[in-house]
Amino acid sequence: MTDASVLVAGVGAIGLFAVATAMAVRHRKLPGADAFVFLLLALVSMTGFVVLGRTGVLSTELALGGLIICWMVASVIWAVFAFEYTGRGPTMTGRQVAGLLLLPAFVWVNAVVRNSLSGPFKSASFAFGSVVLLATISVGGFGVFLVLQSAISYDDLPSDRALVLTAFGASITLLALPASLETARFEVITDVVLLGAVAISAAAVLVQRNYQLFESGPSTGHLARKTVLDQLSASVCVVGREGRLLDANREATRTFDIETKNAIGQSVDEVLGVALDVPTGEVISLETVDGRREFEVSRSSLTERHGTHIGHVYLFRDVTEQRTHEQRLEVLNRVLRHNLRNELDAVRAFAETLGDDGPMETPTVAARIRDVSRELVHLGTTVERAERLLARETLDREPVDVDALVRSVASDVARTYPDGELTISTPDDGIDARTDREILEATLAEVVDNALKHTGTVDPSVTILVRRADESVVIEVRDNGPAIPDHERAVLLDGEETPLQHGSGLGLWLVYWGVSRLGADISIGENDPSGSVVTIRIPT
């Protein structure tokens, strides 16, 4: 190209870039518009260096250096534009963009220093510059990939607009590549760059004027779907074909304490701490920021537009309160029909014995009636307590002095069983937990009461141990009675019982419900030399 042709082409490209910039400025509040404006300014600067170099205003070395730096800046900004415009790729902060823009600075410093080097140092400098140039091309190429992905995989971008944008981005990414070749003449490099600048500037105007670049960007559909997911009250995790976490909505990251930056790409089983190979509708127990909760899992297959399976979407619906409510209705119905009827039948039988002058002595019958009446009162108190604690919609979490709470519970239970021996062991420096005081107190009282009531020994003994463990407070209740029967363990551990083998009373269910609401864990072991150990682990 002659100098006159270079001037005409350069001025024409700069004019078209100016028109495109003015068009983009009108949309600055839309995704990618700001980045697009800065991209065009970088391309204007690059074109200016070419024109000034060919017309002799700047030296060849200075013009070539400015061209390469502006091209690298434009490639980086193109990638940032693609991230914002498509709504995919990393969310770039100002600091991260500045970090990417250090690539051109490294190249400039390297080029300046290289002139004073020789031998292996000069070779190393050239190799370093080549690596940085390759990194710049890779960043720009990733932006091109995102545009193509929006059109092909997600159908968020019309094919004609995607074609123009792909050519636009690819041209920018590869525009100044000939400048990295030491054998290329300056005139050849600038001719290629100028012709490319003219084509890119025309495309920048065309894609805004004819294809409404910013009026309906692909990020709208993507961000709309993301917003809908984030507004769901249920937790949602998107998992790839290999079982690795790809995305999670806001509720999932909060509930399961997921650090998205660290968790993306990891096995979802490791992130959640449980294998998800369960049928749809299965209820599983998961650790959450509020302790252990129960979730109904729904799994949907994730396919791309051609029907190829690419992963799964898991929806976790917290059913802890729902299951507790259903169990409460079932258990209370059973208590009213079974336990209460049996106790009243016993009272009636004893009363008839008194009236019929039966073989039992009056004091004995009276004592039996008092025992049954006491059981009925205890049953009514437990029902009332369960209703009061479980009817509350939210927990009242507050710092609780566990040492003081344990001693208060032990003192109350000891008055009911004056012949029992209660021993307490807690840390000397005290121990606190952030939990619901009333529910924890009722749960622990029932465990200690049950331990003393069913020891079946002349000298019942219960020991309460409190200790810290990781991020939990552990309370152990040890007794010297018989082992807890399997059907009663099923109530405490799993919240289950069969019609033929009911738990011995409502108290066991109160313990299970209390532990569930606190998000705590409960386990049962054997005491040495005899008895049981009930362990409650409370998240702090």
Protein backbone atom coordinates (compact mmCIF):
# COMPACT_ATOMS: atom_id res chain seq x y z
CA MET A 1 0.00 0.00 0.00
CA THR A 2 1.21 3.53 -0.82
CA ASP A 3 1.52 6.12 1.90
CA ALA A 4 -1.59 7.85 0.56
CA SER A 5 -3.54 4.58 0.64
CA VAL A 6 -2.36 3.95 4.17
CA LEU A 7 -3.55 7.39 5.22
CA VAL A 8 -6.95 6.95 3.59
CA ALA A 9 -7.42 3.46 5.04
CA GLY A 10 -6.27 4.57 8.47
CA VAL A 11 -8.50 7.62 8.61
CA GLY A 12 -11.43 5.58 7.28
CA ALA A 13 -10.96 2.89 9.93
CA ILE A 14 -10.62 5.46 12.70
CA GLY A 15 -13.79 7.20 11.45
CA LEU A 16 -15.74 3.94 11.49
CA PHE A 17 -14.39 3.11 14.95
CA ALA A 18 -15.58 6.54 16.13
CA VAL A 19 -19.08 5.89 14.75
CA ALA A 20 -19.16 2.45 16.39
CA THR A 21 -17.97 3.94 19.69
CA ALA A 22 -20.71 6.59 19.64
CA MET A 23 -23.30 3.87 19.00
CA ALA A 24 -22.00 1.72 21.86
CA VAL A 25 -21.91 4.62 24.33
CA ARG A 26 -25.70 4.91 24.05
CA HIS A 27 -25.98 1.40 25.55
CA ARG A 28 -23.42 1.76 28.34
CA LYS A 29 -25.81 0.39 30.99
CA LEU A 30 -26.16 -2.93 29.16
CA PRO A 31 -23.88 -5.97 29.67
CA GLY A 32 -20.63 -5.70 27.70
CA ALA A 33 -21.18 -2.16 26.39
CA ASP A 34 -18.46 -0.52 28.48
CA ALA A 35 -15.94 -3.19 27.52
CA PHE A 36 -16.92 -2.77 23.86
CA VAL A 37 -16.24 0.98 24.06
CA PHE A 38 -12.78 0.43 25.55
CA LEU A 39 -12.10 -2.27 22.95
CA LEU A 40 -12.83 0.18 20.14
CA LEU A 41 -10.60 2.82 21.74
CA ALA A 42 -7.74 0.31 21.90
CA LEU A 43 -8.26 -0.50 18.21
CA VAL A 44 -8.27 3.22 17.35
CA SER A 45 -4.94 3.60 19.16
CA MET A 46 -3.50 0.61 17.32
CA THR A 47 -4.58 2.06 13.96
CA GLY A 48 -3.08 5.40 14.93
CA PHE A 49 0.31 3.84 15.61
CA VAL A 50 0.22 2.18 12.19
CA VAL A 51 -0.61 5.42 10.36
CA LEU A 52 1.95 7.47 12.30
CA GLY A 53 4.61 4.84 11.66
CA ARG A 54 3.97 4.59 7.92
CA THR A 55 3.85 8.36 7.47
CA GLY A 56 7.17 8.79 9.28
CA VAL A 57 5.84 10.68 12.30
CA LEU A 58 7.02 7.85 14.57
CA SER A 59 10.02 5.60 14.21
CA THR A 60 9.45 2.07 12.96
CA GLU A 61 10.41 0.52 16.31
CA LEU A 62 8.13 2.82 18.32
CA ALA A 63 5.20 2.34 15.93
CA LEU A 64 5.65 -1.44 15.93
CA GLY A 65 5.89 -1.57 19.72
CA GLY A 66 2.78 0.58 20.12
CA LEU A 67 0.92 -1.59 17.60
CA ILE A 68 1.70 -4.80 19.48
CA ILE A 69 0.83 -3.34 22.88
CA CYS A 70 -2.52 -1.95 21.64
CA TRP A 71 -3.32 -5.26 19.93
CA MET A 72 -2.67 -7.19 23.15
CA VAL A 73 -4.82 -4.74 25.13
CA ALA A 74 -7.60 -5.11 22.56
CA SER A 75 -7.41 -8.93 22.72
CA VAL A 76 -7.74 -8.89 26.51
CA ILE A 77 -10.64 -6.41 26.44
CA TRP A 78 -12.36 -8.51 23.76
CA ALA A 79 -12.30 -11.46 26.17
CA VAL A 80 -13.72 -9.29 28.97
CA PHE A 81 -16.46 -8.13 26.58
CA ALA A 82 -17.29 -11.77 25.74
CA PHE A 83 -17.49 -12.67 29.45
CA GLU A 84 -19.95 -9.86 30.16
CA TYR A 85 -21.91 -10.09 26.94
CA THR A 86 -22.60 -13.81 27.05
CA GLY A 87 -23.04 -13.91 30.83
CA ARG A 88 -20.63 -16.84 30.94
CA GLY A 89 -17.02 -17.19 31.80
CA PRO A 90 -15.55 -15.70 34.99
CA THR A 91 -17.02 -12.60 36.58
CA MET A 92 -14.25 -10.05 36.18
CA THR A 93 -13.45 -7.52 38.88
CA GLY A 94 -11.50 -4.35 38.17
CA ARG A 95 -8.43 -5.86 39.79
CA GLN A 96 -8.63 -9.00 37.64
CA VAL A 97 -8.97 -6.96 34.44
CA ALA A 98 -5.94 -4.92 35.51
CA GLY A 99 -4.05 -8.18 36.06
CA LEU A 100 -4.83 -9.31 32.51
CA LEU A 101 -3.71 -5.95 31.16
CA LEU A 102 -0.30 -6.56 32.74
CA LEU A 103 0.37 -8.99 29.87
CA PRO A 104 1.00 -6.16 27.38
CA ALA A 105 3.13 -4.37 29.98
CA PHE A 106 5.29 -7.49 30.38
CA VAL A 107 5.78 -7.66 26.61
CA TRP A 108 6.79 -3.99 26.42
CA VAL A 109 9.29 -4.28 29.29
CA ASN A 110 10.65 -7.50 27.84
CA ALA A 111 11.13 -5.88 24.41
CA VAL A 112 12.98 -2.91 25.92
CA VAL A 113 15.25 -5.11 28.03
CA ARG A 114 15.94 -7.57 25.20
CA ASN A 115 17.99 -5.01 23.26
CA SER A 116 20.57 -4.93 26.04
CA LEU A 117 20.82 -8.73 26.35
CA SER A 118 22.89 -11.25 24.43
CA GLY A 119 23.39 -14.99 24.15
CA PRO A 120 21.09 -17.28 26.19
CA PHE A 121 19.56 -14.33 28.02
CA LYS A 122 18.32 -12.85 24.78
CA SER A 123 16.93 -16.24 23.76
CA ALA A 124 15.19 -16.56 27.11
CA SER A 125 13.73 -13.08 26.69
CA PHE A 126 12.43 -13.97 23.24
CA ALA A 127 10.91 -17.21 24.60
CA PHE A 128 9.21 -15.28 27.41
CA GLY A 129 7.72 -12.82 24.95
CA SER A 130 6.44 -15.68 22.81
CA VAL A 131 4.75 -17.31 25.83
CA VAL A 132 3.01 -14.04 26.77
CA LEU A 133 1.86 -13.54 23.19
CA LEU A 134 0.49 -17.08 23.14
CA ALA A 135 -1.33 -16.41 26.44
CA THR A 136 -2.88 -13.28 24.93
CA ILE A 137 -4.10 -15.20 21.89
CA SER A 138 -5.51 -17.89 24.19
CA VAL A 139 -7.46 -15.32 26.22
CA GLY A 140 -8.91 -13.79 23.05
CA GLY A 141 -9.66 -17.24 21.66
CA PHE A 142 -11.61 -18.11 24.81
CA GLY A 143 -13.80 -15.07 24.17
CA VAL A 144 -14.51 -16.35 20.65
CA PHE A 145 -15.37 -19.77 22.09
CA LEU A 146 -17.92 -18.26 24.50
CA VAL A 147 -19.68 -16.45 21.67
CA LEU A 148 -19.88 -19.66 19.64
CA GLN A 149 -21.06 -21.61 22.70
CA SER A 150 -23.90 -19.13 23.28
CA ALA A 151 -25.12 -19.69 19.73
CA ILE A 152 -24.51 -23.43 19.31
CA SER A 153 -24.93 -24.99 22.77
CA TYR A 154 -27.35 -22.63 24.47
CA ASP A 155 -29.20 -21.06 21.52
CA ASP A 156 -28.99 -17.66 23.24
CA LEU A 157 -27.52 -15.86 20.25
CA PRO A 158 -28.88 -15.67 16.65
CA SER A 159 -26.58 -17.46 14.22
CA ASP A 160 -26.06 -14.44 11.94
CA ARG A 161 -25.03 -12.19 14.84
CA ALA A 162 -22.86 -14.97 16.25
CA LEU A 163 -21.12 -15.32 12.87
CA VAL A 164 -20.31 -11.61 12.68
CA LEU A 165 -19.13 -11.48 16.30
CA THR A 166 -17.02 -14.60 15.86
CA ALA A 167 -15.28 -13.12 12.82
CA PHE A 168 -14.91 -9.83 14.70
CA GLY A 169 -13.29 -11.46 17.74
CA ALA A 170 -11.11 -13.87 15.76
CA SER A 171 -9.81 -11.02 13.61
CA ILE A 172 -8.85 -9.00 16.67
CA THR A 173 -7.18 -12.01 18.31
CA LEU A 174 -5.05 -12.83 15.26
CA LEU A 175 -4.69 -9.32 13.77
CA ALA A 176 -1.14 -8.45 14.80
CA LEU A 177 0.24 -11.98 14.85
CA PRO A 178 2.54 -11.23 11.86
CA ALA A 179 4.19 -8.54 14.00
CA SER A 180 5.63 -11.27 16.24
CA LEU A 181 7.59 -12.68 13.30
CA GLU A 182 11.09 -11.18 13.19
CA THR A 183 11.42 -11.84 9.44
CA ALA A 184 8.27 -9.88 8.56
CA ARG A 185 8.85 -6.43 7.04
CA PHE A 186 7.25 -3.42 8.72
CA GLU A 187 5.37 -2.47 5.56
CA VAL A 188 3.84 -5.95 5.25
CA ILE A 189 2.81 -5.98 8.92
CA THR A 190 1.15 -2.57 8.75
CA ASP A 191 -0.63 -3.38 5.48
CA VAL A 192 -2.18 -6.49 7.06
CA VAL A 193 -3.13 -4.62 10.23
CA LEU A 194 -4.67 -1.71 8.34
CA LEU A 195 -6.78 -3.95 6.12
CA GLY A 196 -7.88 -5.84 9.21
CA ALA A 197 -8.68 -2.59 11.03
CA VAL A 198 -10.90 -1.45 8.16
CA ALA A 199 -12.79 -4.77 8.19
CA ILE A 200 -13.10 -4.81 11.99
CA SER A 201 -14.33 -1.21 12.15
CA ALA A 202 -16.97 -1.93 9.51
CA ALA A 203 -18.03 -5.05 11.44
CA ALA A 204 -18.27 -3.01 14.66
CA VAL A 205 -20.77 -0.68 12.99
CA LEU A 206 -22.61 -3.48 11.18
CA VAL A 207 -23.14 -5.67 14.23
CA GLN A 208 -24.71 -2.76 16.13
CA ARG A 209 -26.75 -1.27 13.28
CA ASN A 210 -28.08 -4.41 11.58
CA TYR A 211 -27.92 -7.05 14.31
CA GLN A 212 -28.91 -5.06 17.43
CA LEU A 213 -25.82 -6.13 19.35
CA PHE A 214 -26.95 -4.78 22.72
CA GLU A 215 -30.74 -4.73 22.40
CA SER A 216 -31.05 -8.48 23.06
CA GLY A 217 -27.77 -9.87 24.27
CA PRO A 218 -27.38 -13.59 25.12
CA SER A 219 -26.64 -12.76 28.74
CA THR A 220 -30.33 -11.85 29.16
CA GLY A 221 -31.50 -15.46 28.80
CA HIS A 222 -28.58 -16.84 30.79
CA LEU A 223 -28.91 -14.31 33.59
CA ALA A 224 -32.70 -14.74 33.64
CA ARG A 225 -32.30 -18.48 34.20
CA LYS A 226 -29.64 -17.83 36.83
CA THR A 227 -31.93 -15.31 38.57
CA VAL A 228 -34.82 -17.76 38.61
CA LEU A 229 -32.57 -20.41 40.16
CA ASP A 230 -31.31 -17.98 42.77
CA GLN A 231 -34.87 -17.03 43.74
CA LEU A 232 -35.85 -20.65 44.40
CA SER A 233 -36.24 -21.54 48.06
CA ALA A 234 -34.91 -25.03 47.29
CA SER A 235 -31.22 -25.78 46.80
CA VAL A 236 -30.16 -26.60 43.23
CA CYS A 237 -26.85 -28.11 42.06
CA VAL A 238 -25.83 -28.64 38.42
CA VAL A 239 -23.55 -31.63 37.93
CA GLY A 240 -21.63 -32.73 34.82
CA ARG A 241 -21.44 -36.18 33.27
CA GLU A 242 -18.53 -37.15 35.50
CA GLY A 243 -20.35 -36.15 38.68
CA ARG A 244 -18.46 -32.88 39.14
CA LEU A 245 -20.18 -29.74 40.40
CA LEU A 246 -20.69 -27.16 37.64
CA ASP A 247 -22.96 -24.63 39.34
CA ALA A 248 -25.12 -24.07 42.43
CA ASN A 249 -27.83 -21.55 43.14
CA ARG A 250 -27.68 -19.04 45.99
CA GLU A 251 -29.73 -21.20 48.38
CA ALA A 252 -27.44 -24.20 47.84
CA THR A 253 -24.29 -22.19 48.49
CA ARG A 254 -25.82 -20.82 51.70
CA THR A 255 -27.37 -24.06 52.94
CA PHE A 256 -24.38 -26.30 52.28
CA ASP A 257 -21.75 -23.59 52.85
CA ILE A 258 -20.32 -24.05 49.36
CA GLU A 259 -17.42 -21.82 48.33
CA THR A 260 -18.22 -21.75 44.62
CA LYS A 261 -14.72 -20.82 43.46
CA ASN A 262 -13.21 -23.79 45.30
CA ALA A 263 -16.04 -26.29 44.83
CA ILE A 264 -16.60 -25.97 41.07
CA GLY A 265 -14.99 -28.95 39.37
CA GLN A 266 -14.95 -31.12 42.49
CA SER A 267 -17.01 -34.28 42.91
CA VAL A 268 -20.48 -33.29 44.12
CA ASP A 269 -20.42 -36.28 46.49
CA GLU A 270 -17.33 -34.81 48.18
CA VAL A 271 -18.82 -31.30 48.29
CA LEU A 272 -22.04 -32.48 49.96
CA GLY A 273 -20.50 -35.32 51.94
CA VAL A 274 -22.91 -37.99 50.69
CA ALA A 275 -23.37 -40.13 47.58
CA LEU A 276 -26.18 -38.83 45.37
CA ASP A 277 -26.88 -42.09 43.54
CA VAL A 278 -30.39 -42.16 44.99
CA PRO A 279 -33.77 -42.45 43.23
CA THR A 280 -35.81 -39.31 42.66
CA GLY A 281 -38.01 -38.61 45.67
CA GLU A 282 -35.62 -40.30 48.13
CA VAL A 283 -35.11 -38.50 51.45
CA ILE A 284 -31.50 -38.19 52.59
CA SER A 285 -29.79 -36.51 55.54
CA LEU A 286 -27.24 -33.79 54.73
CA GLU A 287 -24.98 -31.58 56.82
CA THR A 288 -25.90 -27.89 56.52
CA VAL A 289 -24.97 -24.60 58.16
CA ASP A 290 -27.95 -25.21 60.47
CA GLY A 291 -26.81 -28.74 61.34
CA ARG A 292 -28.05 -32.00 59.86
CA ARG A 293 -31.30 -31.68 57.90
CA GLU A 294 -33.43 -34.01 55.79
CA PHE A 295 -33.90 -33.32 52.07
CA GLU A 296 -36.07 -34.85 49.38
CA VAL A 297 -33.87 -35.20 46.29
CA SER A 298 -35.17 -34.71 42.75
CA ARG A 299 -32.85 -35.48 39.85
CA SER A 300 -33.39 -34.32 36.27
CA SER A 301 -31.30 -35.20 33.26
CA LEU A 302 -29.51 -32.30 31.59
CA THR A 303 -29.27 -32.47 27.79
CA GLU A 304 -28.02 -30.14 25.11
CA ARG A 305 -30.17 -29.06 22.17
CA HIS A 306 -29.51 -32.28 20.20
CA GLY A 307 -30.55 -34.49 23.11
CA THR A 308 -27.07 -35.58 24.20
CA HIS A 309 -26.85 -36.20 27.94
CA ILE A 310 -24.39 -33.76 29.54
CA GLY A 311 -25.20 -33.99 33.25
CA HIS A 312 -27.86 -33.77 35.94
CA VAL A 313 -29.70 -31.10 37.89
CA TYR A 314 -30.31 -31.96 41.55
CA LEU A 315 -33.01 -30.17 43.52
CA PHE A 316 -32.92 -30.50 47.32
CA ARG A 317 -36.15 -29.69 49.17
CA ASP A 318 -35.80 -29.40 52.93
CA VAL A 319 -38.51 -31.67 54.37
CA THR A 320 -37.27 -31.75 57.96
CA GLU A 321 -40.20 -29.76 59.33
CA GLN A 322 -42.72 -31.52 57.10
CA ARG A 323 -41.58 -34.99 58.21
CA THR A 324 -41.57 -33.89 61.83
CA HIS A 325 -45.14 -32.61 61.47
CA GLU A 326 -46.30 -35.84 59.83
CA GLN A 327 -44.60 -37.96 62.48
CA ARG A 328 -46.10 -35.83 65.21
CA LEU A 329 -49.62 -36.41 63.88
CA GLU A 330 -49.02 -40.14 63.57
CA VAL A 331 -47.43 -40.49 67.01
CA LEU A 332 -50.00 -38.37 68.81
CA ASN A 333 -52.76 -40.34 67.13
CA ARG A 334 -51.14 -43.56 68.31
CA VAL A 335 -50.66 -42.16 71.85
CA LEU A 336 -54.31 -41.16 72.09
CA ARG A 337 -55.53 -44.47 70.71
CA HIS A 338 -53.07 -46.83 72.35
CA ASN A 339 -51.24 -45.49 75.39
CA LEU A 340 -54.01 -43.32 76.76
CA ARG A 341 -56.66 -46.02 76.27
CA ASN A 342 -54.52 -48.63 78.01
CA GLU A 343 -53.86 -46.40 81.01
CA LEU A 344 -57.53 -45.47 81.37
CA ASP A 345 -58.51 -49.14 81.09
CA ALA A 346 -56.12 -49.87 83.95
CA VAL A 347 -57.64 -47.13 86.12
CA ARG A 348 -61.13 -48.45 85.41
CA ALA A 349 -60.06 -52.02 86.29
CA PHE A 350 -58.54 -50.92 89.59
CA ALA A 351 -61.63 -48.87 90.42
CA GLU A 352 -63.87 -51.88 89.75
CA THR A 353 -61.66 -53.96 92.08
CA LEU A 354 -62.31 -51.49 94.87
CA GLY A 355 -66.05 -51.70 94.32
CA ASP A 356 -66.19 -55.51 94.07
CA ASP A 357 -64.21 -56.26 97.24
CA GLY A 358 -61.68 -58.19 95.11
CA PRO A 359 -58.59 -59.90 96.41
CA MET A 360 -56.34 -56.84 96.18
CA GLU A 361 -56.02 -54.67 99.27
CA THR A 362 -57.25 -51.10 99.09
CA PRO A 363 -53.81 -49.50 99.72
CA THR A 364 -52.30 -51.57 96.92
CA VAL A 365 -55.04 -50.64 94.48
CA ALA A 366 -54.76 -46.99 95.47
CA ALA A 367 -50.99 -47.08 94.91
CA ARG A 368 -51.48 -48.61 91.46
CA ILE A 369 -54.04 -45.95 90.56
CA ARG A 370 -51.61 -43.24 91.71
CA ASP A 371 -48.85 -44.76 89.53
CA VAL A 372 -51.10 -44.85 86.51
CA SER A 373 -52.32 -41.32 87.18
CA ARG A 374 -48.72 -40.14 87.46
CA GLU A 375 -47.96 -41.73 84.10
CA LEU A 376 -50.99 -40.00 82.58
CA VAL A 377 -49.87 -36.65 83.97
CA HIS A 378 -46.36 -37.23 82.64
CA LEU A 379 -47.78 -38.20 79.25
CA GLY A 380 -49.91 -35.06 79.13
CA THR A 381 -46.93 -32.91 80.11
CA THR A 382 -44.79 -34.46 77.39
CA VAL A 383 -47.51 -33.95 74.77
CA GLU A 384 -47.87 -30.31 75.82
CA ARG A 385 -44.11 -29.78 75.71
CA ALA A 386 -43.82 -31.43 72.29
CA GLU A 387 -46.63 -29.31 70.89
CA ARG A 388 -45.12 -26.11 72.28
CA LEU A 389 -41.63 -26.77 70.97
CA LEU A 390 -42.58 -28.13 67.56
CA ALA A 391 -45.28 -25.58 66.78
CA ARG A 392 -42.65 -22.82 66.60
CA GLU A 393 -41.81 -22.01 62.98
CA THR A 394 -38.27 -20.78 63.67
CA LEU A 395 -35.58 -21.57 66.18
CA ASP A 396 -34.41 -19.02 68.69
CA ARG A 397 -30.67 -19.54 68.37
CA GLU A 398 -28.63 -17.77 71.00
CA PRO A 399 -25.41 -18.35 72.98
CA VAL A 400 -26.22 -21.00 75.60
CA ASP A 401 -24.10 -21.84 78.64
CA VAL A 402 -24.23 -25.62 78.21
CA ASP A 403 -22.60 -26.24 81.60
CA ALA A 404 -25.32 -24.29 83.42
CA LEU A 405 -28.08 -25.85 81.31
CA VAL A 406 -26.87 -29.40 82.06
CA ARG A 407 -26.73 -28.73 85.79
CA SER A 408 -30.22 -27.22 85.74
CA VAL A 409 -31.62 -30.26 83.91
CA ALA A 410 -29.86 -32.65 86.29
CA SER A 411 -31.25 -30.79 89.31
CA ASP A 412 -34.83 -30.98 87.98
CA VAL A 413 -34.63 -34.69 87.11
CA ALA A 414 -32.98 -35.54 90.44
CA ARG A 415 -36.06 -34.30 92.29
CA THR A 416 -38.17 -36.84 90.40
CA TYR A 417 -35.76 -39.71 91.15
CA PRO A 418 -34.29 -39.00 94.60
CA ASP A 419 -32.76 -42.49 94.79
CA GLY A 420 -30.77 -42.04 91.59
CA GLU A 421 -27.18 -40.85 91.41
CA LEU A 422 -26.40 -38.10 88.92
CA THR A 423 -22.80 -37.14 88.09
CA ILE A 424 -21.80 -34.23 85.86
CA SER A 425 -18.45 -33.68 84.14
CA THR A 426 -17.88 -30.47 82.16
CA PRO A 427 -14.78 -28.45 81.14
CA ASP A 428 -13.40 -26.22 83.88
CA ASP A 429 -13.49 -23.15 81.63
CA GLY A 430 -17.16 -23.65 80.73
CA ILE A 431 -18.60 -24.40 77.32
CA ASP A 432 -21.04 -22.52 75.10
CA ALA A 433 -23.09 -23.38 72.03
CA ARG A 434 -25.23 -21.22 69.77
CA THR A 435 -28.50 -23.12 69.75
CA ASP A 436 -32.14 -23.04 70.88
CA ARG A 437 -32.05 -23.18 74.68
CA GLU A 438 -35.62 -24.41 75.23
CA ILE A 439 -35.44 -27.27 72.72
CA LEU A 440 -32.02 -28.40 73.93
CA GLU A 441 -33.19 -28.33 77.55
CA ALA A 442 -36.35 -30.35 76.80
CA THR A 443 -34.42 -32.88 74.72
CA LEU A 444 -31.67 -33.41 77.28
CA ALA A 445 -34.19 -33.62 80.15
CA GLU A 446 -36.03 -36.42 78.35
CA VAL A 447 -32.79 -38.35 77.72
CA VAL A 448 -31.70 -38.10 81.36
CA ASP A 449 -35.20 -38.89 82.65
CA ASN A 450 -35.40 -41.95 80.38
CA ALA A 451 -31.96 -43.13 81.54
CA LEU A 452 -32.92 -43.03 85.24
CA LYS A 453 -36.43 -44.38 84.73
CA HIS A 454 -35.39 -47.54 82.90
CA THR A 455 -32.19 -48.54 84.71
CA GLY A 456 -34.03 -51.35 86.53
CA THR A 457 -31.36 -51.42 89.24
CA VAL A 458 -31.44 -50.76 92.97
CA ASP A 459 -28.87 -48.01 92.65
CA PRO A 460 -29.57 -46.22 89.33
CA SER A 461 -26.64 -44.11 88.18
CA VAL A 462 -26.37 -41.62 85.31
CA THR A 463 -23.29 -39.65 84.28
CA ILE A 464 -23.50 -36.58 82.02
CA LEU A 465 -20.27 -35.70 80.19
CA VAL A 466 -19.87 -32.47 78.21
CA ARG A 467 -16.92 -31.81 75.90
CA ARG A 468 -15.86 -29.95 72.78
CA ALA A 469 -15.22 -31.75 69.49
CA ASP A 470 -14.23 -29.88 66.32
CA GLU A 471 -17.04 -27.36 65.72
CA SER A 472 -19.53 -29.15 67.97
CA VAL A 473 -20.48 -29.54 71.61
CA VAL A 474 -20.90 -33.18 72.61
CA ILE A 475 -23.16 -34.28 75.47
CA GLU A 476 -22.96 -37.92 76.60
CA VAL A 477 -25.55 -39.46 78.92
CA ARG A 478 -24.24 -42.75 80.40
CA ASP A 479 -26.41 -45.07 82.51
CA ASN A 480 -25.96 -48.46 84.22
CA GLY A 481 -29.25 -49.99 83.11
CA PRO A 482 -30.08 -52.46 80.35
CA ALA A 483 -29.29 -51.78 76.70
CA ILE A 484 -31.84 -49.74 74.78
CA PRO A 485 -34.03 -52.15 72.71
CA ASP A 486 -33.62 -52.11 68.94
CA HIS A 487 -37.13 -50.85 68.25
CA GLU A 488 -36.55 -47.89 70.57
CA ARG A 489 -33.16 -47.21 68.97
CA ALA A 490 -35.01 -46.99 65.65
CA VAL A 491 -37.09 -44.12 67.04
CA LEU A 492 -34.09 -42.21 68.38
CA LEU A 493 -31.81 -42.75 65.38
CA ASP A 494 -34.16 -42.88 62.39
CA GLY A 495 -37.55 -41.62 63.58
CA GLU A 496 -39.17 -44.93 62.69
CA GLU A 497 -41.35 -47.50 64.46
CA THR A 498 -43.60 -50.34 63.37
CA PRO A 499 -47.24 -50.76 64.40
CA LEU A 500 -46.34 -53.96 66.30
CA GLN A 501 -43.36 -52.52 68.10
CA HIS A 502 -44.12 -49.01 69.31
CA GLY A 503 -41.52 -47.01 71.19
CA SER A 504 -42.11 -47.12 74.93
CA GLY A 505 -43.50 -43.60 74.96
CA LEU A 506 -43.72 -40.14 73.52
CA GLY A 507 -40.46 -39.13 75.23
CA LEU A 508 -38.30 -40.93 72.68
CA TRP A 509 -40.04 -39.11 69.88
CA LEU A 510 -39.56 -35.80 71.67
CA VAL A 511 -35.82 -36.52 71.76
CA TYR A 512 -35.76 -37.37 68.04
CA TRP A 513 -37.77 -34.26 67.09
CA GLY A 514 -35.65 -32.03 69.30
CA VAL A 515 -32.40 -33.35 67.84
CA SER A 516 -33.77 -32.93 64.30
CA ARG A 517 -34.85 -29.34 64.87
CA LEU A 518 -31.50 -28.42 66.39
CA GLY A 519 -29.68 -29.92 63.41
CA ALA A 520 -27.82 -32.13 65.87
CA ASP A 521 -26.68 -35.74 65.61
CA ILE A 522 -27.59 -38.52 68.04
CA SER A 523 -25.90 -41.90 68.45
CA ILE A 524 -26.26 -44.82 70.88
CA GLY A 525 -23.46 -46.98 72.23
CA GLU A 526 -22.80 -49.42 75.04
CA ASN A 527 -21.51 -48.35 78.44
CA ASP A 528 -18.82 -50.27 80.29
CA PRO A 529 -19.50 -52.59 82.10
CA SER A 530 -23.25 -52.26 81.46
CA GLY A 531 -25.79 -49.76 80.30
CA SER A 532 -26.08 -47.40 77.35
CA VAL A 533 -24.42 -44.20 76.15
CA VAL A 534 -26.60 -41.67 74.33
CA THR A 535 -24.47 -39.04 72.58
CA ILE A 536 -25.86 -35.76 71.25
CA ARG A 537 -23.59 -33.68 69.03
CA ILE A 538 -24.73 -30.06 68.73
CA PRO A 539 -23.33 -27.80 65.98
CA THR A 540 -21.98 -24.54 67.35
